[in-house]
Protein backbone atom coordinates (compact mmCIF):
# COMPACT_ATOMS: atom_id res chain seq x y z
CA MET A 1 -90.11 -269.70 95.58
CA ARG A 2 -86.53 -268.37 95.23
CA ILE A 3 -84.60 -269.68 92.24
CA GLN A 4 -81.12 -269.27 90.83
CA LEU A 5 -80.69 -269.62 87.06
CA VAL A 6 -77.71 -271.40 85.49
CA GLY A 7 -77.00 -272.39 81.91
CA ARG A 8 -77.54 -270.83 78.52
CA GLN A 9 -79.96 -268.32 76.98
CA LEU A 10 -81.11 -267.19 80.42
CA ASP A 11 -82.54 -263.94 79.02
CA THR A 12 -85.26 -265.99 77.36
CA LEU A 13 -86.01 -267.78 80.63
CA ARG A 14 -86.18 -264.81 83.00
CA PRO A 15 -89.50 -263.34 81.81
CA LEU A 16 -91.10 -266.78 81.97
CA ALA A 17 -89.85 -267.29 85.53
CA GLN A 18 -91.21 -263.89 86.51
CA GLU A 19 -94.58 -264.67 84.90
CA ALA A 20 -94.72 -267.93 86.85
CA GLY A 21 -94.29 -265.99 90.09
CA LEU A 22 -90.72 -267.12 90.81
CA GLU A 23 -88.12 -264.84 92.40
CA GLU A 24 -84.66 -264.93 90.84
CA VAL A 25 -81.85 -264.51 93.39
CA ASP A 26 -78.06 -264.72 93.39
CA SER A 27 -77.79 -266.37 96.82
CA ASN A 28 -79.78 -268.64 99.14
CA PRO A 29 -82.14 -270.05 96.48
CA ASN A 30 -84.64 -272.85 97.10
CA VAL A 31 -84.02 -274.42 93.68
CA ILE A 32 -81.34 -274.23 90.99
CA VAL A 33 -82.99 -273.97 87.56
CA CYS A 34 -80.70 -275.48 84.90
CA HIS A 35 -81.42 -274.26 81.37
CA GLY A 36 -79.50 -276.21 78.75
CA GLY A 37 -78.49 -279.78 78.09
CA ASP A 38 -77.13 -282.71 80.06
CA GLY A 39 -73.88 -280.89 80.83
CA THR A 40 -75.71 -278.01 82.49
CA LEU A 41 -77.39 -280.39 84.92
CA LEU A 42 -74.13 -282.23 85.64
CA GLY A 43 -72.34 -278.97 86.36
CA ALA A 44 -75.12 -277.75 88.64
CA ALA A 45 -75.10 -281.05 90.53
CA ARG A 46 -71.39 -280.52 91.16
CA ASP A 47 -71.55 -276.80 91.99
CA TYR A 48 -74.72 -276.93 94.12
CA PRO A 49 -74.71 -280.44 95.60
CA ASP A 50 -77.16 -279.77 98.42
CA LEU A 51 -79.86 -277.89 96.50
CA PRO A 52 -82.68 -279.33 94.34
CA LYS A 53 -82.17 -278.88 90.60
CA LEU A 54 -84.82 -278.35 87.93
CA ALA A 55 -83.58 -279.39 84.48
CA LEU A 56 -85.16 -277.46 81.61
CA ARG A 57 -84.52 -278.48 78.03
CA LEU A 58 -82.84 -275.99 75.73
CA ASP A 59 -83.80 -276.43 72.07
CA GLY A 60 -84.19 -280.17 72.49
CA VAL A 61 -80.52 -280.81 73.29
CA CYS A 62 -81.06 -282.29 76.74
CA ARG A 63 -81.78 -286.01 76.47
CA LYS A 64 -82.49 -286.41 80.17
CA CYS A 65 -84.94 -283.52 80.58
CA GLU A 66 -88.58 -284.20 79.87
CA ARG A 67 -90.15 -282.55 76.84
CA HIS A 68 -92.30 -279.84 78.29
CA GLU A 69 -93.72 -276.39 77.98
CA THR A 70 -91.29 -274.27 79.96
CA LEU A 71 -93.85 -271.86 81.40
CA LYS A 72 -96.07 -274.71 82.61
CA VAL A 73 -93.15 -276.40 84.38
CA LEU A 74 -92.13 -273.13 86.02
CA ARG A 75 -95.69 -272.62 87.23
CA ASP A 76 -95.72 -276.16 88.59
CA LEU A 77 -92.45 -275.39 90.37
CA ALA A 78 -93.94 -272.28 91.96
CA ALA A 79 -96.97 -274.32 93.08
CA GLY A 80 -94.87 -277.19 94.45
CA ARG A 81 -96.32 -279.73 92.01
CA LEU A 82 -93.11 -281.13 90.51
CA LYS A 83 -92.02 -284.68 91.22
CA SER A 84 -88.71 -285.04 93.05
CA THR A 85 -86.20 -287.77 92.16
CA LYS A 86 -83.16 -288.64 94.28
CA LEU A 87 -80.21 -289.53 92.07
CA VAL A 88 -77.29 -291.66 93.22
CA ARG A 89 -73.90 -289.97 93.48
CA LEU A 90 -70.56 -291.72 92.98
CA ARG A 91 -67.32 -290.74 94.68
CA ALA A 92 -63.85 -291.65 93.47
CA GLU A 93 -60.89 -291.18 95.80
CA CYS A 94 -57.22 -291.30 94.90
CA ARG A 95 -54.03 -289.87 96.35
CA GLU A 96 -54.50 -286.66 94.37
CA GLY A 97 -58.01 -285.93 95.60
CA LEU A 98 -61.74 -286.67 95.38
CA LEU A 99 -64.18 -286.58 92.47
CA THR A 100 -67.97 -286.98 92.54
CA GLY A 101 -70.57 -287.45 89.83
CA ILE A 102 -74.18 -288.36 89.17
CA ASN A 103 -73.41 -289.92 85.77
CA ASP A 104 -70.17 -291.85 85.94
CA VAL A 105 -66.54 -292.09 86.97
CA MET A 106 -64.07 -292.89 84.22
CA LEU A 107 -60.50 -294.19 84.14
CA ARG A 108 -58.80 -293.74 80.77
CA ASN A 109 -55.42 -294.17 79.18
CA ILE A 110 -53.79 -290.82 78.39
CA LEU A 111 -51.74 -292.01 75.40
CA PRO A 112 -53.88 -293.35 72.52
CA VAL A 113 -51.05 -295.67 71.45
CA SER A 114 -50.55 -297.18 74.91
CA ALA A 115 -53.11 -299.16 76.88
CA VAL A 116 -53.46 -298.79 80.63
CA ARG A 117 -52.90 -301.88 82.78
CA TYR A 118 -54.81 -302.14 86.03
CA ALA A 119 -56.02 -304.60 88.65
CA VAL A 120 -59.56 -304.63 90.04
CA ARG A 121 -60.79 -305.70 93.46
CA ILE A 122 -64.40 -305.58 94.61
CA ASN A 123 -64.97 -305.39 98.35
CA ASP A 124 -61.31 -306.40 98.85
CA GLU A 125 -61.82 -309.57 96.76
CA CYS A 126 -59.75 -309.96 93.61
CA TYR A 127 -61.81 -309.65 90.43
CA SER A 128 -58.89 -309.46 87.98
CA GLU A 129 -55.17 -309.36 88.59
CA GLU A 130 -54.58 -307.49 85.34
CA ILE A 131 -56.80 -305.88 82.72
CA VAL A 132 -55.29 -304.27 79.63
CA GLY A 133 -57.30 -301.72 77.69
CA ASP A 134 -58.47 -298.13 77.44
CA GLY A 135 -59.79 -298.10 81.01
CA LEU A 136 -63.13 -298.54 82.75
CA VAL A 137 -66.43 -296.78 83.41
CA VAL A 138 -68.38 -296.95 86.69
CA ALA A 139 -71.92 -295.65 86.17
CA THR A 140 -75.03 -294.83 88.16
CA PRO A 141 -78.47 -295.87 86.85
CA PHE A 142 -79.00 -292.27 85.71
CA GLY A 143 -75.64 -292.15 83.96
CA SER A 144 -75.81 -295.65 82.48
CA SER A 145 -77.55 -294.28 79.38
CA ALA A 146 -74.33 -292.44 78.46
CA TYR A 147 -70.79 -293.84 78.09
CA TYR A 148 -71.68 -297.07 79.92
CA ARG A 149 -74.35 -297.88 77.34
CA SER A 150 -72.00 -297.17 74.44
CA ILE A 151 -69.67 -299.86 75.80
CA THR A 152 -72.20 -302.43 77.01
CA SER A 153 -75.29 -301.79 74.85
CA SER A 154 -77.29 -301.87 78.08
CA VAL A 155 -78.46 -299.70 80.94
CA ILE A 156 -79.21 -300.46 84.59
CA ARG A 157 -82.06 -299.73 87.01
CA THR A 158 -80.28 -300.08 90.34
CA GLY A 159 -76.81 -300.50 91.78
CA ILE A 160 -73.54 -299.54 90.07
CA GLY A 161 -72.54 -300.56 86.56
CA LEU A 162 -68.92 -301.52 85.88
CA ALA A 163 -67.82 -301.60 82.23
CA PHE A 164 -64.38 -302.33 80.79
CA ASN A 165 -63.48 -300.08 77.89
CA ASN A 166 -61.90 -301.79 74.89
CA SER A 167 -60.03 -304.45 76.87
CA THR A 168 -57.66 -306.75 75.00
CA GLU A 169 -59.31 -309.84 76.49
CA PRO A 170 -63.11 -310.26 76.56
CA ILE A 171 -64.40 -309.12 79.96
CA ASP A 172 -68.12 -308.82 80.47
CA HIS A 173 -69.57 -305.83 82.29
CA ILE A 174 -71.13 -306.42 85.71
CA VAL A 175 -73.73 -304.79 87.93
CA LEU A 176 -72.79 -304.28 91.56
CA SER A 177 -74.99 -303.50 94.52
CA ASP A 178 -75.12 -299.95 95.87
CA ALA A 179 -73.02 -301.07 98.86
CA ASP A 180 -70.16 -302.55 96.83
CA VAL A 181 -66.76 -300.85 96.63
CA VAL A 182 -64.55 -300.92 93.53
CA GLN A 183 -60.80 -300.75 94.10
CA VAL A 184 -58.45 -300.16 91.18
CA LYS A 185 -54.64 -300.24 91.16
CA ILE A 186 -52.68 -298.88 88.21
CA LEU A 187 -50.10 -301.40 87.02
CA ARG A 188 -48.97 -299.30 84.07
CA GLY A 189 -49.94 -295.76 83.17
CA PRO A 190 -50.22 -293.02 82.46
CA ALA A 191 -53.97 -292.79 83.02
CA VAL A 192 -56.48 -290.08 83.92
CA LEU A 193 -59.39 -290.18 86.37
CA THR A 194 -62.47 -288.07 85.64
CA ALA A 195 -66.11 -287.79 86.77
CA ASP A 196 -69.04 -286.44 84.74
CA ASN A 197 -67.97 -283.29 82.91
CA SER A 198 -65.78 -281.99 85.73
CA PRO A 199 -62.84 -279.83 84.59
CA ILE A 200 -60.77 -281.47 87.35
CA GLN A 201 -58.80 -284.50 86.20
CA TYR A 202 -56.24 -286.54 88.11
CA ARG A 203 -53.23 -288.08 86.39
CA LEU A 204 -52.39 -291.57 87.62
CA ASN A 205 -49.21 -293.58 87.26
CA LYS A 206 -47.95 -297.03 88.19
CA GLY A 207 -48.78 -297.89 91.80
CA ASP A 208 -51.60 -295.34 92.19
CA ALA A 209 -54.88 -296.61 93.64
CA ILE A 210 -58.52 -295.56 93.26
CA VAL A 211 -61.52 -296.35 95.45
CA ILE A 212 -64.98 -295.88 93.88
CA ARG A 213 -68.22 -296.18 95.80
CA GLU A 214 -71.70 -294.75 96.14
CA GLU A 215 -71.94 -291.62 98.27
CA GLU A 216 -74.28 -291.41 101.21
CA ARG A 217 -75.64 -288.12 99.82
CA THR A 218 -77.98 -288.08 96.86
CA THR A 219 -78.77 -285.35 94.34
CA GLU A 220 -82.36 -284.12 94.20
CA VAL A 221 -83.67 -283.35 90.72
CA LEU A 222 -87.14 -282.08 89.86
CA ALA A 223 -89.10 -283.10 86.76
CA VAL A 224 -86.32 -285.31 85.42
CA ASP A 225 -87.25 -287.95 82.84
CA THR A 226 -87.77 -290.91 85.20
CA LEU A 227 -87.91 -293.31 82.27
CA LEU A 228 -84.13 -293.12 82.06
CA CYS A 229 -83.40 -293.59 85.76
CA ASN A 230 -86.21 -295.89 86.98
CA ASN A 231 -87.55 -297.77 83.96
CA CYS A 232 -84.51 -298.51 81.84
CA ALA A 233 -85.09 -300.58 78.75
CA ARG A 234 -82.79 -303.42 79.79
CA VAL A 235 -81.29 -304.59 83.05
CA ASP A 236 -78.12 -306.62 82.93
CA GLY A 237 -78.66 -310.09 84.31
CA ARG A 238 -75.22 -310.59 85.79
CA LYS A 239 -74.52 -309.70 89.39
CA TRP A 240 -71.30 -309.71 91.37
CA ASN A 241 -70.98 -312.89 93.41
CA ARG A 242 -69.22 -312.29 96.72
CA HIS A 243 -67.47 -315.63 96.31
CA GLY A 244 -65.45 -314.14 93.48
CA GLY A 245 -67.45 -314.67 90.32
CA LEU A 246 -70.55 -313.74 88.37
CA THR A 247 -74.03 -315.09 88.91
CA THR A 248 -76.84 -315.02 86.37
CA VAL A 249 -80.11 -313.84 87.91
């Protein structure tokens, strides 16, 4: 098994990988081993989108990596015994470019003293002609335990979660199907579009549009804590109704 190591404190990981019978390489690896926290995994998913990732906890800082004995997991990797999970990826397109993420896509106001105004359509159907607030968060099931949960106090099992951040009028969050498309038009900026912990950010102004959807490609992760992506504690009971409203299920 050929692995490439990314993250922090790799000098402590290398002898364990060697003891487990793994070969560290700088190119053409079979697996990317991410040693660190959540951000290390997110960065590896962005930098190595087509390779499986193994997330290893560093000093307990990674909430989404199982608690484990590192050497045992590395031996299981070498023996091909690790469970593989396919994580949903989101893509957000605007005039400036494309962003992808396995956690979430976020639209935010740039100026703390000025809200962003935006309109939302779902599958070309109007959801709201104008929302005023700090922006919105579109999350995957894996990413719904992060910013999405801080806004909604909930997580999701399937589909795409859409949460409105600090809106001036009460707007409940909704759960869309994995085939739904979210379309956003900026009515008043400035705003910024980001995804996961990407260093790339796009500034948006009045008239700019965003299209957010699930990508066809998934991200393969080994030994991830499946409790957070498959058995979430609460599933929102409100689904997008294609006739233009919300339905309780």
